[in-house]
């Protein structure tokens, strides 16, 4: 999941109470998880990435969000050109190349699908985590997921914050949808994007998250998003998340130096992400896996643009609910091929203070969904692990 931020006052839950348990289930959605493995379980890296680096940063005071900041999905920072639409071009001309700015018609498709509604309540397994924003990841061994996604291209869809940029640096996708049901997570991605565009180097990008440079950073955000209705929210979230992101970026640097190059140690990865943003190929949006608009829209857009979804990152979201029909439909609707992968994390913090990491072919996951499997736990059989063990599973077992 991630390091969390608690709202100073809870939203009212009246809508959820009126609509009953189904709506409460639809609002459940997270960003990192709990345990399980099967006979395919593989490596267990034992050298942990520095999990407690020193941090001099402290959060700035943040006022609670206003009703307008929690009620509506943000407008696109890079809307399609006025008048362009998918109907303006043939299917062949909509097909996205691996590099180069998107055409007006391509942008209309990519940026034109509908966001999901922002939930009134950010739900969680534990009541004390209700209305909590997870603004940085606490997954310490994500490098074990890199091999299966490195250089596979295609499309990326993922939840969370810094995880998306880490995986995209390895994958090098042609398009990326950064989809989370928490509007604060989506708002934080706009800060990442503005700083990528502004920074000429990795060091400058990291520097913008440091406490002593927060005034400069806010000026960059204010200028970049001067015409956006949610500019104040973007800056508010940056103020709240800055020290958490700064700490997390140091861990990603450590990971890149000790385990596998990352976008913060590899200039080529950093440049690739920067170019993707400049070409309009990265879109943050409010996306709820248990809603029927956001993910279905991403799937339809990917198909129109001729882009196969090669990496679907779920973190630990599946731990929060059994698979409803809308989730099955959303996953089935994503165009996939033999190289498409789904990645997960399952919390095992009481034992190893981290997660178990799992991947499987996306087509294989769809087969399991078609078989009627009720949740991710049903696909793996758990086994005991040691405190210095961080299991990785490449799961290819078909449903029986």
Protein backbone atom coordinates (compact mmCIF):
# COMPACT_ATOMS: atom_id res chain seq x y z
CA UNK A 1 0.00 0.00 0.00
CA UNK A 2 1.66 3.20 1.03
CA UNK A 3 2.39 5.72 3.69
CA UNK A 4 -0.89 7.27 4.63
CA UNK A 5 -2.40 10.65 5.39
CA UNK A 6 -5.54 10.88 7.51
CA UNK A 7 -8.12 13.55 6.77
CA UNK A 8 -8.63 15.84 9.73
CA UNK A 9 -12.36 15.21 9.56
CA UNK A 10 -14.20 12.22 8.13
CA UNK A 11 -16.59 12.62 5.25
CA UNK A 12 -20.16 11.72 5.96
CA UNK A 13 -21.09 8.14 5.17
CA UNK A 14 -24.80 8.76 4.65
CA UNK A 15 -24.78 7.79 0.97
CA UNK A 16 -23.09 4.50 1.72
CA UNK A 17 -25.47 3.75 4.57
CA UNK A 18 -28.51 4.52 2.46
CA UNK A 19 -27.37 2.37 -0.43
CA UNK A 20 -26.32 -0.52 1.73
CA UNK A 21 -23.42 -3.00 1.66
CA UNK A 22 -23.06 -3.10 -2.12
CA UNK A 23 -22.02 0.55 -2.34
CA UNK A 24 -19.65 0.09 0.58
CA UNK A 25 -18.07 -2.81 -1.29
CA UNK A 26 -17.79 -0.72 -4.45
CA UNK A 27 -15.86 1.91 -2.53
CA UNK A 28 -13.28 -0.53 -1.26
CA UNK A 29 -10.03 -0.09 -3.13
CA UNK A 30 -6.44 0.09 -1.96
CA UNK A 31 -2.82 0.25 -3.00
CA UNK A 32 -0.90 -2.68 -1.40
CA UNK A 33 -1.77 -5.88 0.49
CA UNK A 34 -1.41 -9.30 2.44
CA UNK A 35 -0.16 -13.00 1.88
CA UNK A 36 -0.25 -16.08 -0.44
CA UNK A 37 2.04 -18.16 -2.69
CA UNK A 38 1.91 -21.46 -4.58
CA UNK A 39 4.22 -24.10 -5.96
CA UNK A 40 5.47 -21.65 -8.59
CA UNK A 41 6.94 -19.42 -5.90
CA UNK A 42 10.45 -18.41 -6.81
CA UNK A 43 13.11 -16.08 -5.50
CA UNK A 44 13.17 -14.63 -1.99
CA UNK A 45 15.60 -11.73 -2.04
CA UNK A 46 17.04 -11.24 1.46
CA UNK A 47 18.92 -7.97 1.13
CA UNK A 48 16.35 -5.37 2.01
CA UNK A 49 16.47 -1.94 0.46
CA UNK A 50 17.11 0.64 3.16
CA UNK A 51 13.71 0.76 4.88
CA UNK A 52 14.43 3.56 7.30
CA UNK A 53 16.66 6.22 5.77
CA UNK A 54 17.18 9.34 7.76
CA UNK A 55 14.71 12.07 6.93
CA UNK A 56 14.97 15.71 7.88
CA UNK A 57 11.74 16.61 6.15
CA UNK A 58 8.60 17.33 8.13
CA UNK A 59 5.10 18.00 6.78
CA UNK A 60 3.79 21.49 6.34
CA UNK A 61 0.44 22.28 7.96
CA UNK A 62 -2.46 21.46 5.67
CA UNK A 63 -6.06 22.52 6.05
CA UNK A 64 -8.79 19.89 5.60
CA UNK A 65 -10.18 19.66 2.05
CA UNK A 66 -13.25 21.61 1.13
CA UNK A 67 -16.33 19.94 -0.24
CA UNK A 68 -15.47 21.05 -3.77
CA UNK A 69 -12.05 19.42 -3.49
CA UNK A 70 -13.49 16.01 -2.68
CA UNK A 71 -16.59 15.96 -4.85
CA UNK A 72 -15.57 16.08 -8.49
CA UNK A 73 -13.00 14.54 -10.78
CA UNK A 74 -10.26 16.94 -11.93
CA UNK A 75 -10.20 18.40 -15.40
CA UNK A 76 -7.52 17.21 -17.80
CA UNK A 77 -4.36 19.29 -17.71
CA UNK A 78 -3.75 18.47 -21.37
CA UNK A 79 -7.19 18.30 -23.00
CA UNK A 80 -7.54 17.22 -26.61
CA UNK A 81 -7.43 19.88 -29.25
CA UNK A 82 -10.79 21.60 -29.62
CA UNK A 83 -12.97 19.92 -32.18
CA UNK A 84 -10.90 16.72 -32.49
CA UNK A 85 -12.62 13.39 -31.97
CA UNK A 86 -12.10 9.71 -32.60
CA UNK A 87 -14.56 9.90 -35.48
CA UNK A 88 -12.30 12.35 -37.30
CA UNK A 89 -9.84 9.63 -38.29
CA UNK A 90 -9.70 6.08 -39.58
CA UNK A 91 -8.71 3.22 -37.32
CA UNK A 92 -5.30 2.99 -38.97
CA UNK A 93 -4.52 6.66 -38.35
CA UNK A 94 -5.53 6.30 -34.68
CA UNK A 95 -2.96 3.57 -34.06
CA UNK A 96 -0.35 4.95 -31.68
CA UNK A 97 3.33 4.69 -32.61
CA UNK A 98 5.98 3.94 -29.98
CA UNK A 99 7.30 7.49 -30.05
CA UNK A 100 6.32 10.99 -31.09
CA UNK A 101 3.56 13.40 -30.04
CA UNK A 102 0.00 12.12 -30.27
CA UNK A 103 -2.13 13.51 -33.06
CA UNK A 104 -5.19 15.58 -32.23
CA UNK A 105 -7.47 12.61 -32.92
CA UNK A 106 -5.32 10.27 -30.81
CA UNK A 107 -5.34 12.75 -27.94
CA UNK A 108 -9.11 12.99 -28.20
CA UNK A 109 -9.37 9.23 -27.65
CA UNK A 110 -6.67 8.93 -25.00
CA UNK A 111 -7.80 11.91 -22.93
CA UNK A 112 -11.48 11.67 -23.78
CA UNK A 113 -12.70 8.66 -21.80
CA UNK A 114 -14.68 9.31 -18.64
CA UNK A 115 -13.27 9.39 -15.11
CA UNK A 116 -15.12 7.56 -12.38
CA UNK A 117 -17.00 9.50 -9.73
CA UNK A 118 -14.95 10.47 -6.69
CA UNK A 119 -16.23 8.37 -3.76
CA UNK A 120 -17.71 10.16 -0.77
CA UNK A 121 -15.77 7.83 1.54
CA UNK A 122 -12.30 6.38 1.05
CA UNK A 123 -12.97 2.95 2.46
CA UNK A 124 -10.54 0.42 3.92
CA UNK A 125 -10.39 -2.96 5.58
CA UNK A 126 -9.79 -1.33 8.96
CA UNK A 127 -12.08 1.46 10.10
CA UNK A 128 -9.14 3.49 11.41
CA UNK A 129 -7.89 3.72 7.81
CA UNK A 130 -11.12 5.15 6.40
CA UNK A 131 -10.57 8.45 4.57
CA UNK A 132 -6.84 7.85 4.43
CA UNK A 133 -4.75 8.96 1.45
CA UNK A 134 -1.84 6.68 0.51
CA UNK A 135 0.54 9.18 -1.05
CA UNK A 136 3.73 7.12 -1.22
CA UNK A 137 4.43 3.42 -1.49
CA UNK A 138 5.82 1.32 1.34
CA UNK A 139 6.66 -1.65 -0.90
CA UNK A 140 10.40 -2.15 -0.47
CA UNK A 141 11.26 -4.91 -2.95
CA UNK A 142 9.46 -3.93 -6.14
CA UNK A 143 12.59 -4.64 -8.18
CA UNK A 144 11.61 -8.34 -8.15
CA UNK A 145 8.77 -7.41 -10.53
CA UNK A 146 11.04 -5.74 -13.10
CA UNK A 147 12.19 -8.75 -15.11
CA UNK A 148 8.75 -9.65 -16.47
CA UNK A 149 7.92 -6.11 -17.54
CA UNK A 150 11.27 -4.68 -18.63
CA UNK A 151 11.05 -3.21 -22.12
CA UNK A 152 7.73 -4.85 -23.00
CA UNK A 153 6.16 -1.60 -24.23
CA UNK A 154 2.43 -1.46 -24.85
CA UNK A 155 0.09 0.20 -22.39
CA UNK A 156 0.38 0.61 -18.64
CA UNK A 157 -2.50 0.86 -16.16
CA UNK A 158 -1.72 1.10 -12.47
CA UNK A 159 -2.86 2.35 -9.09
CA UNK A 160 -0.81 4.24 -6.50
CA UNK A 161 1.76 7.02 -6.81
CA UNK A 162 5.52 6.47 -7.15
CA UNK A 163 4.99 2.82 -8.10
CA UNK A 164 3.64 3.94 -11.46
CA UNK A 165 6.77 5.89 -12.37
CA UNK A 166 9.04 3.08 -11.20
CA UNK A 167 7.25 0.48 -13.32
CA UNK A 168 6.93 2.78 -16.32
CA UNK A 169 10.69 3.37 -16.29
CA UNK A 170 11.24 -0.36 -16.60
CA UNK A 171 8.38 -1.10 -19.01
CA UNK A 172 8.78 1.86 -21.37
CA UNK A 173 5.08 1.91 -22.35
CA UNK A 174 3.69 3.80 -25.30
CA UNK A 175 0.71 5.03 -23.23
CA UNK A 176 0.10 5.12 -19.47
CA UNK A 177 -3.10 5.51 -17.49
CA UNK A 178 -2.39 6.35 -13.83
CA UNK A 179 -5.75 5.33 -12.41
CA UNK A 180 -6.69 5.56 -8.76
CA UNK A 181 -10.02 6.09 -7.01
CA UNK A 182 -8.46 8.59 -4.59
CA UNK A 183 -8.48 12.08 -6.08
CA UNK A 184 -5.52 13.08 -3.89
CA UNK A 185 -3.41 10.35 -5.50
CA UNK A 186 -4.43 11.63 -8.93
CA UNK A 187 -3.62 15.21 -7.90
CA UNK A 188 -0.15 14.16 -6.74
CA UNK A 189 0.61 12.71 -10.17
CA UNK A 190 0.14 16.20 -11.64
CA UNK A 191 2.98 17.40 -9.37
CA UNK A 192 5.18 14.56 -10.62
CA UNK A 193 4.38 15.52 -14.20
CA UNK A 194 5.05 19.22 -13.75
CA UNK A 195 8.41 18.49 -12.11
CA UNK A 196 9.39 16.00 -14.82
CA UNK A 197 8.69 18.65 -17.44
CA UNK A 198 10.54 21.36 -15.53
CA UNK A 199 13.61 19.42 -14.41
CA UNK A 200 16.57 19.10 -16.76
CA UNK A 201 18.11 16.27 -14.73
CA UNK A 202 17.36 13.63 -12.13
CA UNK A 203 19.06 15.68 -9.43
CA UNK A 204 16.90 18.70 -10.19
CA UNK A 205 13.75 16.57 -10.13
CA UNK A 206 14.64 15.16 -6.70
CA UNK A 207 15.63 18.62 -5.43
CA UNK A 208 12.13 19.99 -6.11
CA UNK A 209 10.74 17.69 -3.42
CA UNK A 210 13.13 18.92 -0.70
CA UNK A 211 11.79 21.16 2.04
CA UNK A 212 14.13 24.04 1.30
CA UNK A 213 12.87 24.19 -2.30
CA UNK A 214 9.15 23.95 -1.62
CA UNK A 215 8.52 27.62 -2.49
CA UNK A 216 10.10 27.16 -5.92
CA UNK A 217 8.15 23.93 -6.39
CA UNK A 218 4.84 25.61 -5.58
CA UNK A 219 5.63 28.40 -8.03
CA UNK A 220 6.20 25.78 -10.74
CA UNK A 221 2.85 24.14 -9.96
CA UNK A 222 1.04 27.48 -9.84
CA UNK A 223 2.37 28.43 -13.25
CA UNK A 224 1.87 25.01 -14.85
CA UNK A 225 -1.74 24.72 -13.69
CA UNK A 226 -2.79 28.38 -13.55
CA UNK A 227 -5.94 27.71 -15.60
CA UNK A 228 -7.03 24.52 -13.81
CA UNK A 229 -10.00 24.44 -11.48
CA UNK A 230 -8.20 22.03 -9.15
CA UNK A 231 -4.93 23.99 -8.93
CA UNK A 232 -5.45 24.63 -5.21
CA UNK A 233 -5.97 20.94 -4.56
CA UNK A 234 -2.81 20.01 -6.49
CA UNK A 235 -0.79 22.43 -4.36
CA UNK A 236 -2.51 21.31 -1.15
CA UNK A 237 -1.69 17.66 -1.87
CA UNK A 238 1.89 18.56 -2.78
CA UNK A 239 2.33 20.34 0.56
CA UNK A 240 0.99 17.31 2.42
CA UNK A 241 2.87 14.69 0.41
CA UNK A 242 6.18 16.44 -0.20
CA UNK A 243 8.13 15.04 2.75
CA UNK A 244 6.77 11.53 2.17
CA UNK A 245 7.68 11.63 -1.50
CA UNK A 246 11.16 12.98 -0.73
CA UNK A 247 11.77 10.07 1.62
CA UNK A 248 10.40 7.57 -0.87
CA UNK A 249 12.55 8.96 -3.69
CA UNK A 250 15.65 8.36 -1.58
CA UNK A 251 14.60 4.74 -1.22
CA UNK A 252 14.12 4.42 -4.97
CA UNK A 253 17.61 5.84 -5.49
CA UNK A 254 18.93 3.24 -3.03
CA UNK A 255 17.04 0.51 -4.87
CA UNK A 256 18.50 1.67 -8.16
CA UNK A 257 22.06 1.64 -6.84
CA UNK A 258 21.87 -1.64 -4.95
CA UNK A 259 19.41 -3.77 -6.88
CA UNK A 260 18.21 -2.62 -10.30
CA UNK A 261 18.48 0.72 -12.13
CA UNK A 262 15.43 2.94 -11.69
CA UNK A 263 14.22 6.20 -13.23
CA UNK A 264 16.16 8.00 -10.48
CA UNK A 265 19.50 6.33 -11.22
CA UNK A 266 19.19 5.71 -14.98
CA UNK A 267 19.16 8.90 -17.10
CA UNK A 268 17.68 6.97 -20.03
CA UNK A 269 14.65 5.92 -17.98
CA UNK A 270 14.23 9.46 -16.64
CA UNK A 271 14.42 10.92 -20.15
CA UNK A 272 11.88 8.38 -21.42
CA UNK A 273 9.32 9.36 -18.78
CA UNK A 274 9.96 13.06 -19.37
CA UNK A 275 9.38 12.59 -23.11
CA UNK A 276 6.19 10.59 -22.53
CA UNK A 277 4.77 13.50 -20.54
CA UNK A 278 5.83 16.08 -23.11
CA UNK A 279 4.18 14.04 -25.87
CA UNK A 280 0.90 13.76 -23.94
CA UNK A 281 1.18 10.01 -23.38
CA UNK A 282 0.62 9.93 -19.60
CA UNK A 283 -2.83 10.48 -18.19
CA UNK A 284 -3.75 10.56 -14.48
CA UNK A 285 -7.43 9.92 -13.87
CA UNK A 286 -9.92 8.87 -11.25
CA UNK A 287 -10.38 5.16 -11.90
CA UNK A 288 -12.20 2.70 -9.64
CA UNK A 289 -11.85 -0.99 -10.49
CA UNK A 290 -15.30 -1.57 -9.01
CA UNK A 291 -17.04 1.02 -11.19
CA UNK A 292 -18.31 0.64 -14.73
CA UNK A 293 -16.88 3.77 -16.37
CA UNK A 294 -13.19 4.47 -15.80
CA UNK A 295 -11.63 1.08 -16.55
CA UNK A 296 -14.05 0.21 -19.33
CA UNK A 297 -13.21 3.56 -20.92
CA UNK A 298 -9.49 2.87 -20.69
CA UNK A 299 -9.99 -0.52 -22.32
CA UNK A 300 -12.03 0.96 -25.17
CA UNK A 301 -9.51 3.75 -25.71
CA UNK A 302 -6.61 1.29 -25.81
CA UNK A 303 -8.41 -0.79 -28.43
CA UNK A 304 -9.17 2.25 -30.62
CA UNK A 305 -5.53 3.33 -30.39
CA UNK A 306 -4.18 -0.13 -31.20
CA UNK A 307 -2.39 -0.41 -27.84
CA UNK A 308 -2.19 -3.70 -25.96
CA UNK A 309 -2.19 -3.38 -22.16
CA UNK A 310 1.10 -5.04 -21.27
CA UNK A 311 1.14 -4.24 -17.54
CA UNK A 312 -1.76 -4.00 -15.10
CA UNK A 313 -0.62 -3.11 -11.56
CA UNK A 314 -3.20 -3.79 -8.83
CA UNK A 315 -1.02 -3.44 -5.72
CA UNK A 316 -3.05 -5.05 -2.90
CA UNK A 317 -6.46 -3.76 -3.98
CA UNK A 318 -7.85 -7.28 -4.42
CA UNK A 319 -7.38 -8.02 -0.74
CA UNK A 320 -10.23 -5.64 0.05
CA UNK A 321 -13.03 -7.43 -1.76
CA UNK A 322 -14.24 -10.53 -3.57
CA UNK A 323 -14.47 -10.19 -7.34
CA UNK A 324 -17.81 -8.63 -8.35
CA UNK A 325 -19.08 -8.85 -11.92
CA UNK A 326 -18.04 -5.27 -12.70
CA UNK A 327 -14.41 -6.04 -11.83
CA UNK A 328 -14.42 -9.16 -14.01
CA UNK A 329 -15.90 -7.14 -16.88
CA UNK A 330 -13.31 -4.37 -16.47
CA UNK A 331 -10.37 -6.77 -16.64
CA UNK A 332 -11.83 -8.74 -19.54
CA UNK A 333 -12.24 -5.48 -21.44
CA UNK A 334 -8.49 -4.74 -21.46
CA UNK A 335 -6.75 -5.76 -24.71
CA UNK A 336 -4.04 -8.30 -23.81
CA UNK A 337 -1.54 -10.55 -25.54
CA UNK A 338 0.96 -13.23 -24.56
CA UNK A 339 3.33 -10.62 -23.04
CA UNK A 340 0.72 -8.91 -20.86
CA UNK A 341 1.34 -9.15 -17.12
CA UNK A 342 -0.62 -8.36 -13.97
CA UNK A 343 1.42 -7.45 -10.87
CA UNK A 344 0.36 -7.48 -7.21
CA UNK A 345 1.64 -6.97 -3.68
CA UNK A 346 0.24 -8.80 -0.63
CA UNK A 347 1.03 -7.51 2.83
CA UNK A 348 3.03 -9.70 5.18
CA UNK A 349 4.17 -6.91 7.48
CA UNK A 350 3.79 -8.77 10.79
CA UNK A 351 6.46 -11.20 9.54
CA UNK A 352 8.83 -9.43 7.14
CA UNK A 353 7.68 -5.79 7.48
CA UNK A 354 7.01 -5.79 3.76
CA UNK A 355 4.95 -7.64 1.15
CA UNK A 356 4.83 -10.76 -0.95
CA UNK A 357 5.14 -9.93 -4.65
CA UNK A 358 3.20 -11.73 -7.37
CA UNK A 359 2.81 -11.65 -11.12
CA UNK A 360 0.89 -13.72 -13.65
CA UNK A 361 0.03 -13.49 -17.34
CA UNK A 362 -2.94 -11.16 -17.78
CA UNK A 363 -4.62 -13.68 -20.07
CA UNK A 364 -4.16 -16.30 -17.37
CA UNK A 365 -5.82 -14.03 -14.83
CA UNK A 366 -8.76 -13.54 -17.20
CA UNK A 367 -9.07 -17.34 -17.45
CA UNK A 368 -9.30 -17.52 -13.66
CA UNK A 369 -11.94 -14.80 -13.63
CA UNK A 370 -13.92 -16.69 -16.27
CA UNK A 371 -13.68 -19.84 -14.14
CA UNK A 372 -15.56 -18.10 -11.34
CA UNK A 373 -12.68 -17.64 -8.86
CA UNK A 374 -13.95 -15.43 -6.07
CA UNK A 375 -10.76 -13.60 -5.09
CA UNK A 376 -6.99 -13.57 -5.57
CA UNK A 377 -6.37 -15.66 -2.44
CA UNK A 378 -8.17 -18.56 -4.09
CA UNK A 379 -5.51 -18.74 -6.82
CA UNK A 380 -2.57 -19.23 -4.46
CA UNK A 381 -1.93 -21.44 -1.42
CA UNK A 382 -0.06 -19.65 1.34
CA UNK A 383 2.99 -20.99 3.11
CA UNK A 384 4.95 -19.77 6.11
CA UNK A 385 7.77 -17.30 5.43
CA UNK A 386 10.72 -16.09 7.47
CA UNK A 387 11.23 -12.54 8.68
CA UNK A 388 14.05 -11.94 6.19
CA UNK A 389 12.17 -13.46 3.26
CA UNK A 390 10.40 -11.43 0.58
CA UNK A 391 8.72 -13.99 -1.68
CA UNK A 392 8.20 -13.49 -5.38
CA UNK A 393 5.78 -15.70 -7.34
CA UNK A 394 5.40 -16.03 -11.11
CA UNK A 395 2.01 -17.73 -11.22
CA UNK A 396 1.07 -19.63 -14.38
CA UNK A 397 -1.18 -22.38 -13.00
CA UNK A 398 -4.42 -22.53 -15.00
CA UNK A 399 -7.80 -22.95 -13.34
CA UNK A 400 -8.82 -26.55 -12.86
